[in-house]
C-alpha atoms as a PDB file:
ATOM      1  CA  UNK A   1      83.614  37.358 153.526  1.00  0.00           C
ATOM      2  CA  UNK A   2      86.487  37.315 156.045  1.00  0.00           C
ATOM      3  CA  UNK A   3      86.052  36.509 159.718  1.00  0.00           C
ATOM      4  CA  UNK A   4      86.410  40.132 160.873  1.00  0.00           C
ATOM      5  CA  UNK A   5      83.587  41.234 158.544  1.00  0.00           C
ATOM      6  CA  UNK A   6      81.446  38.344 159.747  1.00  0.00           C
ATOM      7  CA  UNK A   7      82.095  39.280 163.380  1.00  0.00           C
ATOM      8  CA  UNK A   8      81.283  42.930 162.706  1.00  0.00           C
ATOM      9  CA  UNK A   9      78.009  42.003 161.000  1.00  0.00           C
ATOM     10  CA  UNK A  10      77.099  39.760 163.940  1.00  0.00           C
ATOM     11  CA  UNK A  11      77.888  42.582 166.392  1.00  0.00           C
ATOM     12  CA  UNK A  12      75.801  45.054 164.392  1.00  0.00           C
ATOM     13  CA  UNK A  13      72.907  42.580 164.315  1.00  0.00           C
ATOM     14  CA  UNK A  14      73.036  42.337 168.120  1.00  0.00           C
ATOM     15  CA  UNK A  15      73.100  46.126 168.419  1.00  0.00           C
ATOM     16  CA  UNK A  16      70.155  46.477 166.017  1.00  0.00           C
ATOM     17  CA  UNK A  17      68.126  43.962 167.997  1.00  0.00           C
ATOM     18  CA  UNK A  18      68.955  45.614 171.319  1.00  0.00           C
ATOM     19  CA  UNK A  19      68.230  49.117 170.020  1.00  0.00           C
ATOM     20  CA  UNK A  20      64.939  48.297 168.339  1.00  0.00           C
ATOM     21  CA  UNK A  21      63.643  46.497 171.429  1.00  0.00           C
ATOM     22  CA  UNK A  22      64.620  49.263 173.840  1.00  0.00           C
ATOM     23  CA  UNK A  23      63.395  52.108 171.627  1.00  0.00           C
ATOM     24  CA  UNK A  24      60.092  50.335 171.026  1.00  0.00           C
ATOM     25  CA  UNK A  25      59.719  49.896 174.797  1.00  0.00           C
ATOM     26  CA  UNK A  26      60.690  53.360 176.027  1.00  0.00           C
ATOM     27  CA  UNK A  27      61.222  55.704 173.085  1.00  0.00           C
ATOM     28  CA  UNK A  28      64.319  57.032 171.343  1.00  0.00           C
ATOM     29  CA  UNK A  29      65.082  59.908 173.708  1.00  0.00           C
ATOM     30  CA  UNK A  30      64.825  57.766 176.830  1.00  0.00           C
ATOM     31  CA  UNK A  31      67.084  55.040 175.453  1.00  0.00           C
ATOM     32  CA  UNK A  32      70.784  55.473 176.194  1.00  0.00           C
ATOM     33  CA  UNK A  33      73.850  54.051 174.478  1.00  0.00           C
ATOM     34  CA  UNK A  34      74.761  52.386 177.783  1.00  0.00           C
ATOM     35  CA  UNK A  35      71.437  50.535 177.781  1.00  0.00           C
ATOM     36  CA  UNK A  36      71.860  49.454 174.164  1.00  0.00           C
ATOM     37  CA  UNK A  37      75.352  48.130 174.892  1.00  0.00           C
ATOM     38  CA  UNK A  38      74.170  46.309 178.022  1.00  0.00           C
ATOM     39  CA  UNK A  39      71.189  44.732 176.239  1.00  0.00           C
ATOM     40  CA  UNK A  40      73.448  43.652 173.354  1.00  0.00           C
ATOM     41  CA  UNK A  41      76.037  42.244 175.741  1.00  0.00           C
ATOM     42  CA  UNK A  42      78.887  44.411 174.443  1.00  0.00           C
ATOM     43  CA  UNK A  43      81.035  47.255 175.756  1.00  0.00           C
ATOM     44  CA  UNK A  44      79.849  50.825 175.267  1.00  0.00           C
ATOM     45  CA  UNK A  45      82.920  51.475 173.109  1.00  0.00           C
ATOM     46  CA  UNK A  46      81.752  48.775 170.718  1.00  0.00           C
ATOM     47  CA  UNK A  47      78.647  50.824 169.942  1.00  0.00           C
ATOM     48  CA  UNK A  48      80.762  53.849 169.038  1.00  0.00           C
ATOM     49  CA  UNK A  49      83.199  51.696 167.069  1.00  0.00           C
ATOM     50  CA  UNK A  50      80.331  50.622 164.808  1.00  0.00           C
ATOM     51  CA  UNK A  51      78.266  53.839 164.849  1.00  0.00           C
ATOM     52  CA  UNK A  52      79.285  57.449 165.445  1.00  0.00           C
ATOM     53  CA  UNK A  53      76.177  58.206 167.490  1.00  0.00           C
ATOM     54  CA  UNK A  54      72.867  56.837 168.697  1.00  0.00           C
ATOM     55  CA  UNK A  55      71.177  58.709 165.843  1.00  0.00           C
ATOM     56  CA  UNK A  56      73.415  57.032 163.256  1.00  0.00           C
ATOM     57  CA  UNK A  57      72.681  53.661 164.855  1.00  0.00           C
ATOM     58  CA  UNK A  58      68.965  54.333 164.522  1.00  0.00           C
ATOM     59  CA  UNK A  59      69.285  55.449 160.902  1.00  0.00           C
ATOM     60  CA  UNK A  60      71.223  52.301 160.058  1.00  0.00           C
ATOM     61  CA  UNK A  61      68.647  50.252 161.953  1.00  0.00           C
ATOM     62  CA  UNK A  62      65.923  51.689 159.720  1.00  0.00           C
ATOM     63  CA  UNK A  63      67.964  50.927 156.601  1.00  0.00           C
ATOM     64  CA  UNK A  64      68.694  47.406 157.803  1.00  0.00           C
ATOM     65  CA  UNK A  65      65.120  46.561 158.791  1.00  0.00           C
ATOM     66  CA  UNK A  66      63.400  47.993 155.734  1.00  0.00           C
ATOM     67  CA  UNK A  67      66.107  46.420 153.593  1.00  0.00           C
ATOM     68  CA  UNK A  68      65.139  43.001 154.955  1.00  0.00           C
ATOM     69  CA  UNK A  69      61.460  43.729 154.294  1.00  0.00           C
ATOM     70  CA  UNK A  70      62.174  44.935 150.757  1.00  0.00           C
ATOM     71  CA  UNK A  71      64.243  41.843 149.995  1.00  0.00           C
ATOM     72  CA  UNK A  72      61.487  39.540 151.257  1.00  0.00           C
ATOM     73  CA  UNK A  73      58.865  41.316 149.114  1.00  0.00           C
ATOM     74  CA  UNK A  74      61.080  41.133 146.031  1.00  0.00           C
ATOM     75  CA  UNK A  75      61.829  37.453 146.582  1.00  0.00           C
ATOM     76  CA  UNK A  76      58.118  36.671 146.958  1.00  0.00           C
ATOM     77  CA  UNK A  77      57.369  38.371 143.626  1.00  0.00           C
ATOM     78  CA  UNK A  78      60.273  36.682 141.853  1.00  0.00           C
ATOM     79  CA  UNK A  79      59.384  33.245 143.230  1.00  0.00           C
ATOM     80  CA  UNK A  80      55.791  33.677 142.041  1.00  0.00           C
ATOM     81  CA  UNK A  81      57.043  34.533 138.563  1.00  0.00           C
ATOM     82  CA  UNK A  82      59.341  31.481 138.545  1.00  0.00           C
ATOM     83  CA  UNK A  83      56.330  29.323 139.380  1.00  0.00           C
ATOM     84  CA  UNK A  84      54.293  30.813 136.530  1.00  0.00           C
ATOM     85  CA  UNK A  85      51.970  32.932 138.639  1.00  0.00           C
ATOM     86  CA  UNK A  86      50.427  36.199 137.463  1.00  0.00           C
ATOM     87  CA  UNK A  87      50.838  39.695 138.934  1.00  0.00           C
ATOM     88  CA  UNK A  88      47.908  39.374 141.340  1.00  0.00           C
ATOM     89  CA  UNK A  89      49.443  36.129 142.577  1.00  0.00           C
ATOM     90  CA  UNK A  90      52.691  38.034 143.093  1.00  0.00           C
ATOM     91  CA  UNK A  91      50.916  40.747 145.102  1.00  0.00           C
ATOM     92  CA  UNK A  92      49.230  38.058 147.195  1.00  0.00           C
ATOM     93  CA  UNK A  93      52.596  36.405 147.847  1.00  0.00           C
ATOM     94  CA  UNK A  94      54.040  39.785 148.832  1.00  0.00           C
ATOM     95  CA  UNK A  95      51.237  40.309 151.335  1.00  0.00           C
ATOM     96  CA  UNK A  96      52.112  36.991 152.932  1.00  0.00           C
ATOM     97  CA  UNK A  97      55.829  37.814 152.900  1.00  0.00           C
ATOM     98  CA  UNK A  98      55.067  41.104 154.639  1.00  0.00           C
ATOM     99  CA  UNK A  99      53.056  39.330 157.326  1.00  0.00           C
ATOM    100  CA  UNK A 100      55.838  36.788 157.865  1.00  0.00           C
ATOM    101  CA  UNK A 101      58.346  39.628 158.243  1.00  0.00           C
ATOM    102  CA  UNK A 102      56.167  41.490 160.736  1.00  0.00           C
ATOM    103  CA  UNK A 103      55.527  38.314 162.717  1.00  0.00           C
ATOM    104  CA  UNK A 104      59.289  37.799 162.918  1.00  0.00           C
ATOM    105  CA  UNK A 105      60.196  41.433 163.674  1.00  0.00           C
ATOM    106  CA  UNK A 106      57.205  42.934 165.547  1.00  0.00           C
ATOM    107  CA  UNK A 107      59.254  45.445 167.565  1.00  0.00           C
ATOM    108  CA  UNK A 108      60.914  46.850 164.449  1.00  0.00           C
ATOM    109  CA  UNK A 109      57.590  47.120 162.630  1.00  0.00           C
ATOM    110  CA  UNK A 110      55.959  48.924 165.546  1.00  0.00           C
ATOM    111  CA  UNK A 111      58.874  51.346 165.704  1.00  0.00           C
ATOM    112  CA  UNK A 112      58.948  51.899 161.934  1.00  0.00           C
ATOM    113  CA  UNK A 113      55.226  52.675 161.726  1.00  0.00           C
ATOM    114  CA  UNK A 114      55.445  55.042 164.706  1.00  0.00           C
ATOM    115  CA  UNK A 115      58.345  56.942 163.121  1.00  0.00           C
ATOM    116  CA  UNK A 116      56.506  57.331 159.803  1.00  0.00           C
ATOM    117  CA  UNK A 117      54.154  59.803 161.498  1.00  0.00           C
ATOM    118  CA  UNK A 118      56.892  61.978 163.019  1.00  0.00           C
ATOM    119  CA  UNK A 119      58.291  64.782 160.887  1.00  0.00           C
ATOM    120  CA  UNK A 120      60.758  66.406 163.294  1.00  0.00           C
ATOM    121  CA  UNK A 121      63.341  63.630 163.469  1.00  0.00           C
ATOM    122  CA  UNK A 122      66.934  63.925 162.234  1.00  0.00           C
ATOM    123  CA  UNK A 123      66.472  60.722 160.264  1.00  0.00           C
ATOM    124  CA  UNK A 124      63.260  61.749 158.489  1.00  0.00           C
ATOM    125  CA  UNK A 125      64.949  61.918 155.069  1.00  0.00           C
ATOM    126  CA  UNK A 126      66.433  58.447 155.619  1.00  0.00           C
ATOM    127  CA  UNK A 127      63.024  57.119 156.571  1.00  0.00           C
ATOM    128  CA  UNK A 128      61.447  58.502 153.398  1.00  0.00           C
ATOM    129  CA  UNK A 129      64.153  56.872 151.267  1.00  0.00           C
ATOM    130  CA  UNK A 130      63.841  53.431 152.833  1.00  0.00           C
ATOM    131  CA  UNK A 131      60.030  53.602 152.762  1.00  0.00           C
ATOM    132  CA  UNK A 132      60.152  54.282 149.033  1.00  0.00           C
ATOM    133  CA  UNK A 133      62.413  51.257 148.514  1.00  0.00           C
ATOM    134  CA  UNK A 134      59.766  48.911 149.891  1.00  0.00           C
ATOM    135  CA  UNK A 135      56.870  50.628 148.125  1.00  0.00           C
ATOM    136  CA  UNK A 136      58.803  50.655 144.831  1.00  0.00           C
ATOM    137  CA  UNK A 137      58.861  46.848 144.756  1.00  0.00           C
ATOM    138  CA  UNK A 138      55.061  46.788 144.901  1.00  0.00           C
ATOM    139  CA  UNK A 139      54.861  49.606 142.339  1.00  0.00           C
ATOM    140  CA  UNK A 140      56.961  47.525 139.969  1.00  0.00           C
ATOM    141  CA  UNK A 141      54.580  44.576 140.110  1.00  0.00           C
ATOM    142  CA  UNK A 142      51.547  46.838 139.660  1.00  0.00           C
ATOM    143  CA  UNK A 143      53.162  48.573 136.696  1.00  0.00           C
ATOM    144  CA  UNK A 144      53.935  45.248 135.029  1.00  0.00           C
ATOM    145  CA  UNK A 145      50.347  44.143 135.597  1.00  0.00           C
ATOM    146  CA  UNK A 146      49.001  47.294 133.930  1.00  0.00           C
ATOM    147  CA  UNK A 147      51.443  47.053 131.005  1.00  0.00           C
ATOM    148  CA  UNK A 148      50.493  43.408 130.408  1.00  0.00           C
ATOM    149  CA  UNK A 149      46.755  44.140 130.570  1.00  0.00           C
ATOM    150  CA  UNK A 150      46.171  42.112 133.720  1.00  0.00           C
ATOM    151  CA  UNK A 151      45.345  45.159 135.817  1.00  0.00           C
ATOM    152  CA  UNK A 152      43.264  48.219 134.965  1.00  0.00           C
ATOM    153  CA  UNK A 153      45.003  51.221 133.412  1.00  0.00           C
ATOM    154  CA  UNK A 154      42.971  53.391 135.796  1.00  0.00           C
ATOM    155  CA  UNK A 155      45.015  52.203 138.781  1.00  0.00           C
ATOM    156  CA  UNK A 156      46.937  54.972 140.535  1.00  0.00           C
ATOM    157  CA  UNK A 157      50.129  52.946 140.890  1.00  0.00           C
ATOM    158  CA  UNK A 158      52.005  54.966 143.579  1.00  0.00           C
ATOM    159  CA  UNK A 159      48.917  55.365 145.773  1.00  0.00           C
ATOM    160  CA  UNK A 160      47.808  51.748 145.334  1.00  0.00           C
ATOM    161  CA  UNK A 161      51.280  50.473 146.196  1.00  0.00           C
ATOM    162  CA  UNK A 162      51.398  52.631 149.325  1.00  0.00           C
ATOM    163  CA  UNK A 163      47.893  51.476 150.265  1.00  0.00           C
ATOM    164  CA  UNK A 164      48.837  47.804 149.948  1.00  0.00           C
ATOM    165  CA  UNK A 165      51.973  48.227 152.065  1.00  0.00           C
ATOM    166  CA  UNK A 166      50.026  50.273 154.612  1.00  0.00           C
ATOM    167  CA  UNK A 167      47.239  47.693 154.729  1.00  0.00           C
ATOM    168  CA  UNK A 168      49.680  44.935 155.587  1.00  0.00           C
ATOM    169  CA  UNK A 169      51.526  47.000 158.206  1.00  0.00           C
ATOM    170  CA  UNK A 170      48.427  48.221 160.027  1.00  0.00           C
ATOM    171  CA  UNK A 171      46.511  44.931 159.821  1.00  0.00           C
ATOM    172  CA  UNK A 172      49.537  43.003 161.065  1.00  0.00           C
ATOM    173  CA  UNK A 173      50.127  45.362 163.988  1.00  0.00           C
ATOM    174  CA  UNK A 174      46.450  45.074 164.936  1.00  0.00           C
ATOM    175  CA  UNK A 175      46.803  41.298 164.740  1.00  0.00           C
ATOM    176  CA  UNK A 176      49.930  41.363 166.921  1.00  0.00           C
ATOM    177  CA  UNK A 177      48.378  43.652 169.513  1.00  0.00           C
ATOM    178  CA  UNK A 178      44.724  42.626 169.689  1.00  0.00           C
ATOM    179  CA  UNK A 179      44.045  39.413 167.781  1.00  0.00           C
ATOM    180  CA  UNK A 180      46.856  37.032 168.689  1.00  0.00           C
ATOM    181  CA  UNK A 181      44.439  34.099 168.654  1.00  0.00           C
ATOM    182  CA  UNK A 182      44.440  34.357 164.854  1.00  0.00           C
ATOM    183  CA  UNK A 183      47.025  32.460 162.824  1.00  0.00           C
ATOM    184  CA  UNK A 184      49.174  34.019 160.127  1.00  0.00           C
ATOM    185  CA  UNK A 185      47.196  32.002 157.565  1.00  0.00           C
ATOM    186  CA  UNK A 186      44.008  33.518 158.957  1.00  0.00           C
ATOM    187  CA  UNK A 187      45.248  37.089 158.570  1.00  0.00           C
ATOM    188  CA  UNK A 188      46.681  36.417 155.116  1.00  0.00           C
ATOM    189  CA  UNK A 189      43.385  34.918 153.989  1.00  0.00           C
ATOM    190  CA  UNK A 190      41.463  38.033 155.082  1.00  0.00           C
ATOM    191  CA  UNK A 191      43.853  40.401 153.290  1.00  0.00           C
ATOM    192  CA  UNK A 192      43.899  38.149 150.224  1.00  0.00           C
ATOM    193  CA  UNK A 193      40.119  38.528 149.942  1.00  0.00           C
ATOM    194  CA  UNK A 194      40.545  42.301 149.896  1.00  0.00           C
ATOM    195  CA  UNK A 195      43.192  42.043 147.193  1.00  0.00           C
ATOM    196  CA  UNK A 196      40.994  39.834 145.027  1.00  0.00           C
ATOM    197  CA  UNK A 197      37.899  42.013 145.538  1.00  0.00           C
ATOM    198  CA  UNK A 198      35.911  39.308 147.282  1.00  0.00           C
ATOM    199  CA  UNK A 199      34.545  41.438 150.114  1.00  0.00           C
ATOM    200  CA  UNK A 200      31.206  42.613 148.702  1.00  0.00           C
ATOM    201  CA  UNK A 201      29.820  39.095 148.290  1.00  0.00           C
ATOM    202  CA  UNK A 202      28.800  39.761 144.704  1.00  0.00           C
END
């Protein structure tokens, strides 16, 4: 990668970080391009050089953030397989990877979850696409587990995958907002018990 591409990626990363923080704090409509540029420490023209509009910046921010999450989930599953783990182990590792991501990018996660419930945004179609990318990684592991006889054939794969992703997102946001005294290991342990069906005490 040449130096100009590296510089552009670094500039975009600063703009993403500035935008996600401001929008999480005050909302999309209230956030201006001037504020994003100021927070990122760049000229206003730099924003428009990289993105045609604030809406395009936000769409690319969603793609970028969910892309990072998807990559971390995929890597967790692949690393588990390399170590000889089974599909449930892979799902457990993905739960942890999701928590690590959310702990690292809490503002993005808060913004992403909030936008999932809005249907009148210009970027709604983009949001649906990137959401499916993350869920599809979990679906793949579930499908392999069913095909190999490790998981029940009665599993509704799309719904179960969405439920697992949703569980991690909501539990992690609750942890970030209301239970900061808990460690990441603590939260992972609680969600791992749910995954392994060890809640009933039977």
